[in-house]
């Protein structure tokens, strides 16, 4: 196994992926959302380290990962994840994806079932968000991302996920400049072909679907539909949490996740 420390890089799928690996036990890969890189999980990971080898990484156009500036899809991001697991010397791993990362995790489960142990899907759905069906702040965030208005996007993100905003002022979305705008646009564009409705019935891994009761971005009906479609899925509804459940209720969420992942 590779154990180089908290700031390492491996070659994956034609690029280089920055990752952090800590802890001991079965490997758990945490897959971050649209705007924030692997630092999203700084709070959650410390509650998991005593029982698991926790792996976080920066997807394309986030953090210190480096790929060519070409368009890509959620399928490509799922393949990046598979190559990361291989590069770190593991045959299989638990995978937790939240929000945008939940999209990546779903496609990973479909494209690489042999690399997946257990699956956790948080604050996510099976298709790109429909702006007309979202709360006003979530709809405004999508518009800001599409138009490259990073200042407006950063303000809205802090309103929707205040725990993340307080936790780390290094949010990539606040970085000014055309390059960062193009990066965000590529990430947002990758969702446009994403749709797993009617496909998740083939997922054989035991799955936990996590949802914050106050989540303004993901509809409860969509979460129920996704859970019902996955044969071996159960649901965890977290009170007092919204879209940023992994930060707002980090200790509680980690305890629930550890129980699920360790259950025989």
Protein backbone atom coordinates (compact mmCIF):
# COMPACT_ATOMS: atom_id res chain seq x y z
CA UNK A 1 0.00 0.00 0.00
CA UNK A 2 1.08 3.59 -0.57
CA UNK A 3 1.39 5.54 2.66
CA UNK A 4 3.41 8.56 1.63
CA UNK A 5 1.56 10.97 3.93
CA UNK A 6 -0.99 13.74 3.82
CA UNK A 7 -0.05 15.39 0.51
CA UNK A 8 0.65 12.97 -2.33
CA UNK A 9 -0.01 12.73 -6.07
CA UNK A 10 -0.54 9.69 -8.32
CA UNK A 11 -0.97 9.35 -12.08
CA UNK A 12 -4.59 8.59 -13.03
CA UNK A 13 -6.38 8.45 -16.37
CA UNK A 14 -4.01 10.76 -18.22
CA UNK A 15 -3.58 13.26 -15.40
CA UNK A 16 -2.33 13.56 -11.84
CA UNK A 17 -4.59 13.26 -8.80
CA UNK A 18 -3.79 14.85 -5.46
CA UNK A 19 -4.88 12.74 -2.52
CA UNK A 20 -4.57 12.32 1.25
CA UNK A 21 -4.42 8.92 2.96
CA UNK A 22 -4.57 8.43 6.73
CA UNK A 23 -5.75 5.95 9.34
CA UNK A 24 -5.86 2.19 9.51
CA UNK A 25 -8.35 -0.45 8.49
CA UNK A 26 -10.54 -0.99 5.41
CA UNK A 27 -10.19 1.76 2.80
CA UNK A 28 -12.93 4.38 2.48
CA UNK A 29 -12.74 6.90 -0.38
CA UNK A 30 -14.61 10.18 0.16
CA UNK A 31 -15.73 11.92 -3.05
CA UNK A 32 -16.34 15.66 -2.74
CA UNK A 33 -18.90 17.96 -4.35
CA UNK A 34 -18.89 20.50 -7.15
CA UNK A 35 -17.12 23.56 -5.79
CA UNK A 36 -15.11 22.38 -2.78
CA UNK A 37 -12.15 20.00 -3.03
CA UNK A 38 -11.09 17.26 -0.64
CA UNK A 39 -10.93 19.76 2.25
CA UNK A 40 -14.71 19.34 2.40
CA UNK A 41 -14.12 16.22 4.51
CA UNK A 42 -11.61 17.61 7.02
CA UNK A 43 -14.17 17.40 9.83
CA UNK A 44 -15.66 14.05 8.91
CA UNK A 45 -12.39 12.23 8.26
CA UNK A 46 -10.97 12.71 11.75
CA UNK A 47 -13.94 10.83 13.21
CA UNK A 48 -13.31 7.86 10.89
CA UNK A 49 -9.54 7.47 11.20
CA UNK A 50 -9.58 5.10 14.16
CA UNK A 51 -11.47 2.44 12.20
CA UNK A 52 -10.71 3.05 8.53
CA UNK A 53 -8.03 4.05 6.08
CA UNK A 54 -9.59 7.30 4.89
CA UNK A 55 -8.73 8.51 1.39
CA UNK A 56 -9.74 11.93 0.11
CA UNK A 57 -8.72 13.37 -3.24
CA UNK A 58 -9.23 16.34 -5.55
CA UNK A 59 -11.25 15.66 -8.67
CA UNK A 60 -10.44 17.29 -11.99
CA UNK A 61 -10.35 21.10 -11.82
CA UNK A 62 -10.11 21.08 -8.04
CA UNK A 63 -7.19 21.48 -5.65
CA UNK A 64 -3.78 20.34 -6.81
CA UNK A 65 -4.97 17.66 -9.24
CA UNK A 66 -3.78 18.39 -12.78
CA UNK A 67 -5.46 17.30 -16.00
CA UNK A 68 -5.63 18.71 -19.50
CA UNK A 69 -8.26 21.42 -19.82
CA UNK A 70 -10.51 19.34 -22.06
CA UNK A 71 -14.21 18.70 -21.48
CA UNK A 72 -15.04 15.57 -19.50
CA UNK A 73 -18.03 13.68 -18.17
CA UNK A 74 -19.14 12.10 -14.91
CA UNK A 75 -18.09 8.78 -16.51
CA UNK A 76 -14.53 10.13 -16.78
CA UNK A 77 -14.58 11.17 -13.13
CA UNK A 78 -15.80 7.70 -12.15
CA UNK A 79 -12.93 6.16 -14.13
CA UNK A 80 -10.49 8.52 -12.40
CA UNK A 81 -11.75 7.18 -9.07
CA UNK A 82 -11.25 3.58 -10.20
CA UNK A 83 -7.69 4.34 -11.28
CA UNK A 84 -6.97 6.07 -7.97
CA UNK A 85 -8.05 2.99 -6.03
CA UNK A 86 -5.83 0.84 -8.24
CA UNK A 87 -2.88 3.21 -7.96
CA UNK A 88 -3.11 3.10 -4.16
CA UNK A 89 -2.84 -0.70 -4.27
CA UNK A 90 -6.39 -1.69 -3.33
CA UNK A 91 -8.59 -4.23 -5.06
CA UNK A 92 -11.79 -2.78 -3.61
CA UNK A 93 -12.86 0.11 -1.41
CA UNK A 94 -15.87 1.59 0.29
CA UNK A 95 -16.93 4.74 -1.58
CA UNK A 96 -18.82 7.71 -0.15
CA UNK A 97 -19.90 10.46 -2.53
CA UNK A 98 -21.86 13.55 -1.56
CA UNK A 99 -23.73 15.98 -3.83
CA UNK A 100 -21.78 16.11 -7.13
CA UNK A 101 -19.56 13.40 -5.68
CA UNK A 102 -22.68 11.27 -5.24
CA UNK A 103 -23.18 11.41 -8.99
CA UNK A 104 -19.59 10.24 -9.47
CA UNK A 105 -20.11 7.46 -6.92
CA UNK A 106 -23.28 6.22 -8.65
CA UNK A 107 -21.53 5.96 -12.00
CA UNK A 108 -18.52 4.34 -10.35
CA UNK A 109 -20.84 1.68 -8.91
CA UNK A 110 -22.25 1.04 -12.40
CA UNK A 111 -18.96 1.08 -14.32
CA UNK A 112 -16.65 -0.55 -11.77
CA UNK A 113 -18.72 -2.85 -9.54
CA UNK A 114 -15.74 -5.14 -8.98
CA UNK A 115 -13.82 -2.27 -7.30
CA UNK A 116 -16.65 -1.35 -4.91
CA UNK A 117 -17.26 -2.76 -1.45
CA UNK A 118 -20.02 -0.64 0.12
CA UNK A 119 -21.57 2.52 -1.25
CA UNK A 120 -22.71 5.68 0.54
CA UNK A 121 -24.64 8.34 -1.40
CA UNK A 122 -25.23 11.66 0.35
CA UNK A 123 -27.21 14.76 -0.65
CA UNK A 124 -27.47 13.62 -4.25
CA UNK A 125 -29.90 12.61 -7.00
CA UNK A 126 -30.01 10.62 -10.21
CA UNK A 127 -30.05 13.44 -12.75
CA UNK A 128 -28.76 17.01 -13.12
CA UNK A 129 -30.75 19.42 -10.97
CA UNK A 130 -33.69 21.02 -12.76
CA UNK A 131 -33.48 24.75 -11.92
CA UNK A 132 -37.26 25.12 -12.13
CA UNK A 133 -37.72 22.49 -9.40
CA UNK A 134 -35.08 23.83 -6.99
CA UNK A 135 -35.41 26.32 -4.13
CA UNK A 136 -34.56 29.88 -5.13
CA UNK A 137 -31.06 29.92 -3.62
CA UNK A 138 -30.09 26.60 -5.23
CA UNK A 139 -31.47 27.75 -8.60
CA UNK A 140 -29.49 30.98 -8.32
CA UNK A 141 -26.33 29.00 -7.53
CA UNK A 142 -26.65 26.95 -10.71
CA UNK A 143 -27.16 30.10 -12.77
CA UNK A 144 -24.12 31.72 -11.16
CA UNK A 145 -21.98 28.68 -11.95
CA UNK A 146 -23.18 28.53 -15.55
CA UNK A 147 -22.40 32.21 -16.10
CA UNK A 148 -19.05 32.13 -14.30
CA UNK A 149 -20.16 34.58 -11.57
CA UNK A 150 -17.86 33.16 -8.89
CA UNK A 151 -18.51 35.97 -6.41
CA UNK A 152 -22.26 35.35 -6.46
CA UNK A 153 -21.72 31.57 -6.36
CA UNK A 154 -19.49 31.87 -3.29
CA UNK A 155 -22.07 33.98 -1.46
CA UNK A 156 -24.87 31.53 -2.24
CA UNK A 157 -22.74 28.53 -1.27
CA UNK A 158 -22.07 30.02 2.15
CA UNK A 159 -25.79 30.58 2.65
CA UNK A 160 -26.64 27.00 1.67
CA UNK A 161 -23.75 25.30 3.48
CA UNK A 162 -22.67 27.63 6.29
CA UNK A 163 -20.61 24.98 8.10
CA UNK A 164 -18.36 24.61 5.07
CA UNK A 165 -18.04 28.37 4.69
CA UNK A 166 -16.96 28.80 8.31
CA UNK A 167 -14.65 25.81 8.21
CA UNK A 168 -12.41 26.71 5.32
CA UNK A 169 -11.93 30.06 3.65
CA UNK A 170 -9.85 28.43 0.88
CA UNK A 171 -12.94 27.45 -1.10
CA UNK A 172 -11.81 27.21 -4.70
CA UNK A 173 -14.96 28.96 -5.86
CA UNK A 174 -13.74 32.29 -4.45
CA UNK A 175 -10.67 32.30 -6.65
CA UNK A 176 -10.96 34.99 -9.27
CA UNK A 177 -9.90 34.82 -12.88
CA UNK A 178 -10.87 33.33 -16.20
CA UNK A 179 -9.06 30.03 -15.60
CA UNK A 180 -11.07 29.29 -12.47
CA UNK A 181 -14.27 30.23 -14.25
CA UNK A 182 -13.47 27.79 -17.05
CA UNK A 183 -12.70 25.07 -14.52
CA UNK A 184 -16.05 25.51 -12.79
CA UNK A 185 -17.81 25.55 -16.15
CA UNK A 186 -16.20 22.24 -17.12
CA UNK A 187 -17.27 20.68 -13.84
CA UNK A 188 -20.82 21.90 -14.21
CA UNK A 189 -20.97 20.84 -17.87
CA UNK A 190 -19.95 17.29 -16.89
CA UNK A 191 -23.33 16.82 -15.20
CA UNK A 192 -25.38 17.49 -18.31
CA UNK A 193 -25.23 13.92 -19.63
CA UNK A 194 -25.66 12.36 -16.21
CA UNK A 195 -28.80 10.28 -15.60
CA UNK A 196 -28.94 7.03 -13.61
CA UNK A 197 -32.72 6.73 -13.44
CA UNK A 198 -33.72 3.18 -14.27
CA UNK A 199 -30.10 1.97 -14.05
CA UNK A 200 -29.34 1.59 -10.36
CA UNK A 201 -31.21 -1.69 -10.09
CA UNK A 202 -28.00 -3.39 -11.18
CA UNK A 203 -26.04 -2.09 -8.17
CA UNK A 204 -25.36 -5.10 -5.95
CA UNK A 205 -23.32 -3.36 -3.26
CA UNK A 206 -24.90 -2.66 0.08
CA UNK A 207 -25.79 1.03 -0.04
CA UNK A 208 -26.61 3.76 2.46
CA UNK A 209 -28.40 6.86 1.23
CA UNK A 210 -27.79 9.87 3.51
CA UNK A 211 -30.03 12.94 3.45
CA UNK A 212 -30.16 16.04 5.63
CA UNK A 213 -33.76 16.87 6.50
CA UNK A 214 -33.20 20.59 5.79
CA UNK A 215 -31.40 20.05 2.45
CA UNK A 216 -32.63 22.82 0.11
CA UNK A 217 -30.97 21.42 -3.02
CA UNK A 218 -32.15 17.79 -3.27
CA UNK A 219 -35.83 16.88 -3.27
CA UNK A 220 -37.03 14.33 -0.73
CA UNK A 221 -39.08 12.58 -3.42
CA UNK A 222 -35.98 12.08 -5.54
CA UNK A 223 -34.05 10.64 -2.60
CA UNK A 224 -36.83 8.16 -1.89
CA UNK A 225 -36.97 7.14 -5.57
CA UNK A 226 -33.22 6.56 -5.71
CA UNK A 227 -33.24 4.52 -2.51
CA UNK A 228 -36.11 2.37 -3.78
CA UNK A 229 -34.30 1.65 -7.03
CA UNK A 230 -31.13 0.25 -5.41
CA UNK A 231 -31.83 -3.34 -4.31
CA UNK A 232 -29.75 -3.36 -1.12
CA UNK A 233 -30.18 0.27 -0.06
CA UNK A 234 -31.22 1.73 3.26
CA UNK A 235 -31.64 5.38 4.24
CA UNK A 236 -30.22 7.62 6.94
CA UNK A 237 -32.16 10.86 7.49
CA UNK A 238 -30.12 13.32 9.55
CA UNK A 239 -32.06 15.83 11.63
CA UNK A 240 -30.61 19.31 11.99
CA UNK A 241 -28.60 19.05 8.78
CA UNK A 242 -28.91 20.35 5.25
CA UNK A 243 -26.87 19.84 2.10
CA UNK A 244 -23.61 20.01 4.12
CA UNK A 245 -24.52 17.14 6.44
CA UNK A 246 -20.92 15.88 6.55
CA UNK A 247 -19.89 19.13 8.25
CA UNK A 248 -23.03 20.12 10.13
CA UNK A 249 -23.33 16.76 11.94
CA UNK A 250 -19.86 15.33 11.37
CA UNK A 251 -19.47 13.30 14.57
CA UNK A 252 -22.96 11.82 14.40
CA UNK A 253 -22.65 11.07 10.68
CA UNK A 254 -19.28 9.37 11.18
CA UNK A 255 -20.71 7.12 13.89
CA UNK A 256 -23.59 6.09 11.63
CA UNK A 257 -21.25 5.53 8.68
CA UNK A 258 -18.85 3.44 10.75
CA UNK A 259 -21.73 1.24 11.89
CA UNK A 260 -22.91 0.73 8.34
CA UNK A 261 -19.48 0.02 6.88
CA UNK A 262 -18.46 -2.36 9.67
CA UNK A 263 -21.72 -4.29 9.84
CA UNK A 264 -21.11 -7.89 8.70
